Amino acid sequence: MSTLIIAARILLATVLSGIIGLERETHDKAAGFRTHILVCVGSAIFMITSLLMSLQYGHLGPVDPSRIAAGVVTGVGFLGAGAVMRSGASVHGLTTAASIWAVAAIGLAVGAGLYVVGIMGTAVVVLVLFLSGVKKRFGPWKDK
């Protein structure tokens, strides 16, 4: 894998997660622009590292590049759990936690070179976040 491909993957992860992070930031959520970028770029770096390690050390025996990805999924789940707050009967932060988890998945996809998956995943996440904002503002469920 060339340095240019590595740089392109990290840059794409930055841009895609930045779009999602900006949406969260504009709604004054605790995890915004920087957090989403750091989680996504970190995930992409883990995936790239895993792939490079499998290429470099594969001659020593079977190497499974998905093992690091599985660790990212678990670790980010714990990170997202920190964004969830309970106050009486209401729970806050679930959407932010889910968006952090989603950008980790986007980072893993982009780090693995699955650009279409990362781009389409970003589009779906942004659409869902946008539609949930519209629902809160204009739907019968809007905050009173």
N, C-alpha and C. Protein backbone atom coordinates (compact mmCIF):
# COMPACT_ATOMS: atom_id res chain seq x y z
N MET A 1 0.87 -1.17 0.00
CA MET A 1 0.00 0.00 0.00
C MET A 1 0.91 1.23 0.00
N SER A 2 0.69 2.11 -0.95
CA SER A 2 1.55 3.29 -1.08
C SER A 2 1.19 4.36 -0.06
N THR A 3 2.14 5.25 0.14
CA THR A 3 1.93 6.38 1.05
C THR A 3 0.77 7.24 0.57
N LEU A 4 0.63 7.39 -0.73
CA LEU A 4 -0.46 8.19 -1.30
C LEU A 4 -1.82 7.57 -0.96
N ILE A 5 -1.94 6.27 -1.07
CA ILE A 5 -3.20 5.59 -0.73
C ILE A 5 -3.50 5.73 0.75
N ILE A 6 -2.49 5.58 1.59
CA ILE A 6 -2.68 5.74 3.03
C ILE A 6 -3.17 7.15 3.33
N ALA A 7 -2.51 8.15 2.73
CA ALA A 7 -2.90 9.55 2.95
C ALA A 7 -4.32 9.80 2.46
N ALA A 8 -4.67 9.24 1.31
CA ALA A 8 -6.02 9.43 0.75
C ALA A 8 -7.08 8.83 1.68
N ARG A 9 -6.79 7.67 2.22
CA ARG A 9 -7.75 7.02 3.13
C ARG A 9 -7.94 7.83 4.40
N ILE A 10 -6.86 8.33 4.96
CA ILE A 10 -6.96 9.13 6.18
C ILE A 10 -7.68 10.45 5.90
N LEU A 11 -7.38 11.06 4.76
CA LEU A 11 -8.05 12.31 4.39
C LEU A 11 -9.54 12.09 4.15
N LEU A 12 -9.91 11.02 3.46
CA LEU A 12 -11.33 10.73 3.22
C LEU A 12 -12.05 10.47 4.54
N ALA A 13 -11.42 9.75 5.45
CA ALA A 13 -12.02 9.51 6.77
C ALA A 13 -12.24 10.83 7.49
N THR A 14 -11.29 11.74 7.37
CA THR A 14 -11.40 13.07 8.00
C THR A 14 -12.58 13.85 7.44
N VAL A 15 -12.70 13.87 6.13
CA VAL A 15 -13.77 14.63 5.47
C VAL A 15 -15.15 14.04 5.81
N LEU A 16 -15.28 12.74 5.67
CA LEU A 16 -16.59 12.11 5.92
C LEU A 16 -17.04 12.30 7.36
N SER A 17 -16.14 12.06 8.30
CA SER A 17 -16.52 12.21 9.71
C SER A 17 -16.70 13.68 10.08
N GLY A 18 -15.97 14.55 9.39
CA GLY A 18 -16.14 15.99 9.64
C GLY A 18 -17.53 16.46 9.28
N ILE A 19 -18.09 15.90 8.22
CA ILE A 19 -19.46 16.26 7.82
C ILE A 19 -20.44 15.86 8.91
N ILE A 20 -20.29 14.66 9.43
CA ILE A 20 -21.18 14.20 10.51
C ILE A 20 -20.92 15.00 11.78
N GLY A 21 -19.67 15.24 12.08
CA GLY A 21 -19.32 16.02 13.27
C GLY A 21 -19.86 17.44 13.22
N LEU A 22 -19.86 18.05 12.04
CA LEU A 22 -20.42 19.40 11.90
C LEU A 22 -21.92 19.41 12.22
N GLU A 23 -22.61 18.37 11.76
CA GLU A 23 -24.04 18.29 12.07
C GLU A 23 -24.26 18.22 13.57
N ARG A 24 -23.48 17.42 14.25
CA ARG A 24 -23.60 17.28 15.71
C ARG A 24 -23.21 18.59 16.40
N GLU A 25 -22.19 19.24 15.88
CA GLU A 25 -21.70 20.50 16.45
C GLU A 25 -22.75 21.60 16.33
N THR A 26 -23.44 21.65 15.18
CA THR A 26 -24.45 22.70 15.00
C THR A 26 -25.64 22.53 15.94
N HIS A 27 -25.81 21.32 16.49
CA HIS A 27 -26.87 21.07 17.46
C HIS A 27 -26.34 21.07 18.89
N ASP A 28 -25.14 21.62 19.07
CA ASP A 28 -24.51 21.77 20.39
C ASP A 28 -24.43 20.46 21.17
N LYS A 29 -24.09 19.39 20.49
CA LYS A 29 -23.92 18.09 21.16
C LYS A 29 -22.51 18.01 21.73
N ALA A 30 -22.37 17.26 22.81
CA ALA A 30 -21.08 17.15 23.49
C ALA A 30 -20.00 16.60 22.57
N ALA A 31 -20.33 15.59 21.80
CA ALA A 31 -19.38 15.02 20.84
C ALA A 31 -19.66 15.65 19.49
N GLY A 32 -18.78 16.55 19.07
CA GLY A 32 -19.02 17.26 17.82
C GLY A 32 -17.95 16.98 16.78
N PHE A 33 -17.53 18.04 16.15
CA PHE A 33 -16.61 17.99 15.02
C PHE A 33 -15.32 17.23 15.33
N ARG A 34 -14.60 17.67 16.34
CA ARG A 34 -13.30 17.05 16.65
C ARG A 34 -13.44 15.60 17.08
N THR A 35 -14.41 15.33 17.94
CA THR A 35 -14.57 13.96 18.44
C THR A 35 -14.86 12.99 17.31
N HIS A 36 -15.77 13.37 16.43
CA HIS A 36 -16.13 12.48 15.32
C HIS A 36 -14.94 12.25 14.38
N ILE A 37 -14.19 13.31 14.11
CA ILE A 37 -13.02 13.14 13.26
C ILE A 37 -11.99 12.24 13.92
N LEU A 38 -11.72 12.47 15.20
CA LEU A 38 -10.70 11.66 15.88
C LEU A 38 -11.08 10.18 15.93
N VAL A 39 -12.35 9.90 16.19
CA VAL A 39 -12.79 8.50 16.23
C VAL A 39 -12.67 7.86 14.85
N CYS A 40 -13.09 8.55 13.82
CA CYS A 40 -13.06 7.99 12.46
C CYS A 40 -11.63 7.82 11.96
N VAL A 41 -10.82 8.84 12.14
CA VAL A 41 -9.43 8.74 11.70
C VAL A 41 -8.70 7.65 12.48
N GLY A 42 -8.94 7.59 13.78
CA GLY A 42 -8.33 6.53 14.58
C GLY A 42 -8.73 5.15 14.08
N SER A 43 -9.99 4.97 13.76
CA SER A 43 -10.47 3.69 13.23
C SER A 43 -9.82 3.37 11.89
N ALA A 44 -9.70 4.38 11.05
CA ALA A 44 -9.06 4.17 9.74
C ALA A 44 -7.60 3.77 9.93
N ILE A 45 -6.92 4.44 10.85
CA ILE A 45 -5.51 4.11 11.10
C ILE A 45 -5.38 2.69 11.64
N PHE A 46 -6.26 2.30 12.55
CA PHE A 46 -6.23 0.92 13.05
C PHE A 46 -6.41 -0.08 11.90
N MET A 47 -7.34 0.21 10.99
CA MET A 47 -7.61 -0.72 9.89
C MET A 47 -6.43 -0.77 8.93
N ILE A 48 -5.88 0.39 8.60
CA ILE A 48 -4.72 0.44 7.71
C ILE A 48 -3.55 -0.32 8.34
N THR A 49 -3.32 -0.07 9.62
CA THR A 49 -2.24 -0.76 10.33
C THR A 49 -2.46 -2.27 10.31
N SER A 50 -3.68 -2.68 10.53
CA SER A 50 -4.00 -4.11 10.53
C SER A 50 -3.72 -4.73 9.17
N LEU A 51 -4.13 -4.05 8.11
CA LEU A 51 -3.88 -4.56 6.76
C LEU A 51 -2.39 -4.62 6.45
N LEU A 52 -1.67 -3.57 6.83
CA LEU A 52 -0.22 -3.56 6.57
C LEU A 52 0.50 -4.63 7.37
N MET A 53 0.05 -4.86 8.61
CA MET A 53 0.66 -5.90 9.42
C MET A 53 0.41 -7.28 8.81
N SER A 54 -0.78 -7.49 8.26
CA SER A 54 -1.05 -8.79 7.65
C SER A 54 -0.19 -9.00 6.40
N LEU A 55 0.09 -7.91 5.67
CA LEU A 55 0.98 -8.03 4.51
C LEU A 55 2.43 -8.26 4.94
N GLN A 56 2.84 -7.55 5.98
CA GLN A 56 4.23 -7.63 6.41
C GLN A 56 4.56 -8.94 7.14
N TYR A 57 3.61 -9.44 7.91
CA TYR A 57 3.89 -10.61 8.73
C TYR A 57 3.13 -11.86 8.32
N GLY A 58 2.41 -11.80 7.22
CA GLY A 58 1.63 -12.94 6.74
C GLY A 58 2.48 -14.16 6.43
N HIS A 59 3.72 -13.95 6.10
CA HIS A 59 4.60 -15.08 5.79
C HIS A 59 4.92 -15.92 7.03
N LEU A 60 4.66 -15.38 8.21
CA LEU A 60 4.94 -16.10 9.45
C LEU A 60 3.82 -17.06 9.84
N GLY A 61 2.70 -16.92 9.19
CA GLY A 61 1.55 -17.77 9.49
C GLY A 61 0.27 -17.01 9.23
N PRO A 62 -0.86 -17.63 9.54
CA PRO A 62 -2.15 -16.96 9.29
C PRO A 62 -2.28 -15.66 10.10
N VAL A 63 -2.68 -14.61 9.41
CA VAL A 63 -2.89 -13.30 10.05
C VAL A 63 -4.30 -12.86 9.69
N ASP A 64 -5.05 -12.43 10.68
CA ASP A 64 -6.44 -12.02 10.45
C ASP A 64 -6.57 -10.52 10.68
N PRO A 65 -6.63 -9.71 9.60
CA PRO A 65 -6.72 -8.26 9.77
C PRO A 65 -8.03 -7.78 10.40
N SER A 66 -9.01 -8.66 10.49
CA SER A 66 -10.29 -8.23 11.08
C SER A 66 -10.23 -8.21 12.62
N ARG A 67 -9.21 -8.76 13.21
CA ARG A 67 -9.12 -8.81 14.67
C ARG A 67 -9.03 -7.42 15.28
N ILE A 68 -8.23 -6.55 14.67
CA ILE A 68 -8.13 -5.18 15.19
C ILE A 68 -9.45 -4.46 14.99
N ALA A 69 -10.11 -4.69 13.86
CA ALA A 69 -11.41 -4.06 13.61
C ALA A 69 -12.42 -4.45 14.69
N ALA A 70 -12.40 -5.70 15.08
CA ALA A 70 -13.32 -6.15 16.14
C ALA A 70 -13.04 -5.42 17.45
N GLY A 71 -11.77 -5.19 17.72
CA GLY A 71 -11.41 -4.43 18.93
C GLY A 71 -11.89 -3.00 18.87
N VAL A 72 -11.85 -2.41 17.70
CA VAL A 72 -12.34 -1.03 17.53
C VAL A 72 -13.83 -0.97 17.81
N VAL A 73 -14.58 -1.91 17.28
CA VAL A 73 -16.03 -1.94 17.49
C VAL A 73 -16.35 -1.98 18.98
N THR A 74 -15.66 -2.84 19.70
CA THR A 74 -15.89 -2.97 21.14
C THR A 74 -15.46 -1.71 21.88
N GLY A 75 -14.28 -1.23 21.57
CA GLY A 75 -13.76 -0.06 22.26
C GLY A 75 -14.60 1.18 22.05
N VAL A 76 -15.04 1.40 20.84
CA VAL A 76 -15.86 2.58 20.54
C VAL A 76 -17.23 2.44 21.20
N GLY A 77 -17.71 1.21 21.36
CA GLY A 77 -18.96 1.00 22.09
C GLY A 77 -18.86 1.53 23.51
N PHE A 78 -17.73 1.30 24.14
CA PHE A 78 -17.52 1.83 25.49
C PHE A 78 -17.40 3.34 25.48
N LEU A 79 -16.73 3.88 24.48
CA LEU A 79 -16.61 5.33 24.35
C LEU A 79 -17.99 5.98 24.19
N GLY A 80 -18.81 5.40 23.32
CA GLY A 80 -20.16 5.91 23.09
C GLY A 80 -21.01 5.82 24.33
N ALA A 81 -20.81 4.77 25.14
CA ALA A 81 -21.59 4.63 26.37
C ALA A 81 -21.35 5.81 27.31
N GLY A 82 -20.18 6.40 27.22
CA GLY A 82 -19.89 7.57 28.04
C GLY A 82 -20.68 8.80 27.63
N ALA A 83 -21.22 8.80 26.43
CA ALA A 83 -22.00 9.95 25.94
C ALA A 83 -23.46 9.86 26.36
N VAL A 84 -23.88 8.70 26.89
CA VAL A 84 -25.28 8.50 27.25
C VAL A 84 -25.49 8.92 28.71
N MET A 85 -26.47 9.77 28.92
CA MET A 85 -26.79 10.26 30.26
C MET A 85 -28.26 9.97 30.57
N ARG A 86 -28.50 9.58 31.80
CA ARG A 86 -29.88 9.33 32.23
C ARG A 86 -30.25 10.38 33.27
N SER A 87 -31.40 10.98 33.08
CA SER A 87 -31.91 11.97 34.01
C SER A 87 -33.37 11.65 34.27
N GLY A 88 -33.64 11.01 35.41
CA GLY A 88 -35.00 10.57 35.71
C GLY A 88 -35.45 9.52 34.72
N ALA A 89 -36.57 9.80 34.06
CA ALA A 89 -37.11 8.84 33.10
C ALA A 89 -36.57 9.06 31.69
N SER A 90 -35.84 10.14 31.47
CA SER A 90 -35.35 10.43 30.12
C SER A 90 -33.88 10.07 29.97
N VAL A 91 -33.53 9.74 28.75
CA VAL A 91 -32.16 9.38 28.40
C VAL A 91 -31.69 10.33 27.30
N HIS A 92 -30.49 10.86 27.47
CA HIS A 92 -29.92 11.79 26.50
C HIS A 92 -28.59 11.24 25.99
N GLY A 93 -28.27 11.51 24.75
CA GLY A 93 -26.98 11.15 24.20
C GLY A 93 -26.95 9.88 23.37
N LEU A 94 -28.09 9.21 23.23
CA LEU A 94 -28.09 7.97 22.45
C LEU A 94 -27.74 8.22 20.98
N THR A 95 -28.26 9.28 20.41
CA THR A 95 -27.98 9.57 19.01
C THR A 95 -26.51 9.93 18.83
N THR A 96 -25.97 10.70 19.75
CA THR A 96 -24.55 11.04 19.69
C THR A 96 -23.69 9.78 19.83
N ALA A 97 -24.04 8.91 20.75
CA ALA A 97 -23.31 7.65 20.92
C ALA A 97 -23.38 6.82 19.64
N ALA A 98 -24.56 6.77 19.04
CA ALA A 98 -24.71 6.00 17.80
C ALA A 98 -23.92 6.63 16.66
N SER A 99 -23.86 7.95 16.61
CA SER A 99 -23.08 8.59 15.54
C SER A 99 -21.59 8.35 15.73
N ILE A 100 -21.12 8.30 16.97
CA ILE A 100 -19.71 7.97 17.23
C ILE A 100 -19.43 6.55 16.75
N TRP A 101 -20.32 5.65 17.05
CA TRP A 101 -20.15 4.25 16.63
C TRP A 101 -20.16 4.16 15.10
N ALA A 102 -21.06 4.93 14.47
CA ALA A 102 -21.16 4.91 13.01
C ALA A 102 -19.89 5.46 12.35
N VAL A 103 -19.32 6.56 12.90
CA VAL A 103 -18.10 7.08 12.28
C VAL A 103 -16.92 6.12 12.47
N ALA A 104 -16.94 5.33 13.53
CA ALA A 104 -15.91 4.30 13.69
C ALA A 104 -16.04 3.27 12.57
N ALA A 105 -17.26 2.89 12.26
CA ALA A 105 -17.50 1.94 11.16
C ALA A 105 -17.08 2.55 9.83
N ILE A 106 -17.38 3.82 9.64
CA ILE A 106 -16.98 4.51 8.41
C ILE A 106 -15.46 4.54 8.30
N GLY A 107 -14.79 4.81 9.41
CA GLY A 107 -13.33 4.81 9.43
C GLY A 107 -12.75 3.45 9.08
N LEU A 108 -13.33 2.39 9.63
CA LEU A 108 -12.86 1.04 9.31
C LEU A 108 -13.05 0.74 7.83
N ALA A 109 -14.20 1.13 7.29
CA ALA A 109 -14.48 0.88 5.87
C ALA A 109 -13.49 1.63 4.98
N VAL A 110 -13.31 2.90 5.25
CA VAL A 110 -12.39 3.70 4.44
C VAL A 110 -10.96 3.20 4.61
N GLY A 111 -10.58 2.86 5.84
CA GLY A 111 -9.24 2.33 6.08
C GLY A 111 -8.99 1.04 5.33
N ALA A 112 -10.04 0.27 5.10
CA ALA A 112 -9.93 -0.98 4.35
C ALA A 112 -10.01 -0.77 2.84
N GLY A 113 -10.22 0.48 2.43
CA GLY A 113 -10.33 0.77 1.00
C GLY A 113 -11.72 0.62 0.44
N LEU A 114 -12.70 0.46 1.30
CA LEU A 114 -14.09 0.32 0.86
C LEU A 114 -14.74 1.71 0.82
N TYR A 115 -14.30 2.52 -0.14
CA TYR A 115 -14.70 3.92 -0.20
C TYR A 115 -16.19 4.11 -0.39
N VAL A 116 -16.79 3.31 -1.25
CA VAL A 116 -18.22 3.45 -1.52
C VAL A 116 -19.02 3.17 -0.24
N VAL A 117 -18.60 2.18 0.53
CA VAL A 117 -19.27 1.88 1.79
C VAL A 117 -19.17 3.07 2.73
N GLY A 118 -17.99 3.66 2.84
CA GLY A 118 -17.80 4.82 3.70
C GLY A 118 -18.62 6.02 3.27
N ILE A 119 -18.62 6.30 1.98
CA ILE A 119 -19.36 7.45 1.45
C ILE A 119 -20.87 7.24 1.61
N MET A 120 -21.34 6.06 1.25
CA MET A 120 -22.78 5.79 1.38
C MET A 120 -23.19 5.76 2.85
N GLY A 121 -22.35 5.20 3.70
CA GLY A 121 -22.64 5.20 5.14
C GLY A 121 -22.75 6.61 5.68
N THR A 122 -21.85 7.47 5.25
CA THR A 122 -21.90 8.88 5.68
C THR A 122 -23.19 9.53 5.21
N ALA A 123 -23.56 9.30 3.97
CA ALA A 123 -24.79 9.89 3.43
C ALA A 123 -26.01 9.45 4.24
N VAL A 124 -26.07 8.18 4.58
CA VAL A 124 -27.21 7.68 5.36
C VAL A 124 -27.22 8.29 6.76
N VAL A 125 -26.06 8.35 7.41
CA VAL A 125 -25.99 8.92 8.76
C VAL A 125 -26.44 10.38 8.74
N VAL A 126 -25.92 11.15 7.79
CA VAL A 126 -26.30 12.57 7.69
C VAL A 126 -27.79 12.71 7.41
N LEU A 127 -28.32 11.89 6.53
CA LEU A 127 -29.75 11.93 6.21
C LEU A 127 -30.59 11.63 7.45
N VAL A 128 -30.21 10.60 8.19
CA VAL A 128 -30.96 10.23 9.40
C VAL A 128 -30.89 11.36 10.43
N LEU A 129 -29.71 11.93 10.63
CA LEU A 129 -29.58 13.03 11.59
C LEU A 129 -30.39 14.25 11.15
N PHE A 130 -30.37 14.54 9.85
CA PHE A 130 -31.14 15.66 9.32
C PHE A 130 -32.64 15.42 9.50
N LEU A 131 -33.10 14.23 9.14
CA LEU A 131 -34.53 13.93 9.25
C LEU A 131 -34.99 13.92 10.70
N SER A 132 -34.15 13.48 11.61
CA SER A 132 -34.56 13.51 13.02
C SER A 132 -34.66 14.95 13.51
N GLY A 133 -33.81 15.84 12.98
CA GLY A 133 -33.92 17.26 13.33
C GLY A 133 -35.19 17.88 12.79
N VAL A 134 -35.56 17.51 11.57
CA VAL A 134 -36.81 18.01 10.96
C VAL A 134 -38.00 17.51 11.76
N LYS A 135 -37.98 16.26 12.14
CA LYS A 135 -39.08 15.66 12.91
C LYS A 135 -39.26 16.41 14.23
N LYS A 136 -38.17 16.72 14.90
CA LYS A 136 -38.26 17.41 16.19
C LYS A 136 -38.81 18.83 16.03
N ARG A 137 -38.49 19.47 14.90
CA ARG A 137 -38.92 20.85 14.70
C ARG A 137 -40.34 20.98 14.20
N PHE A 138 -40.74 20.07 13.30
CA PHE A 138 -41.99 20.27 12.60
C PHE A 138 -43.03 19.18 12.79
N GLY A 139 -42.63 18.04 13.26
CA GLY A 139 -43.56 16.92 13.39
C GLY A 139 -44.43 17.02 14.62
N PRO A 140 -45.39 16.13 14.74
CA PRO A 140 -46.25 16.13 15.90
C PRO A 140 -45.48 15.76 17.18
N TRP A 141 -44.20 15.32 17.02
CA TRP A 141 -43.39 14.93 18.16
C TRP A 141 -42.53 16.08 18.66
N LYS A 142 -42.62 17.24 18.01
CA LYS A 142 -41.73 18.35 18.33
C LYS A 142 -41.79 18.70 19.82
N ASP A 143 -40.66 19.19 20.31
CA ASP A 143 -40.59 19.58 21.72
C ASP A 143 -41.52 20.78 21.95
N LYS A 144 -42.19 20.74 23.08
CA LYS A 144 -43.14 21.82 23.37
C LYS A 144 -42.54 22.79 24.34
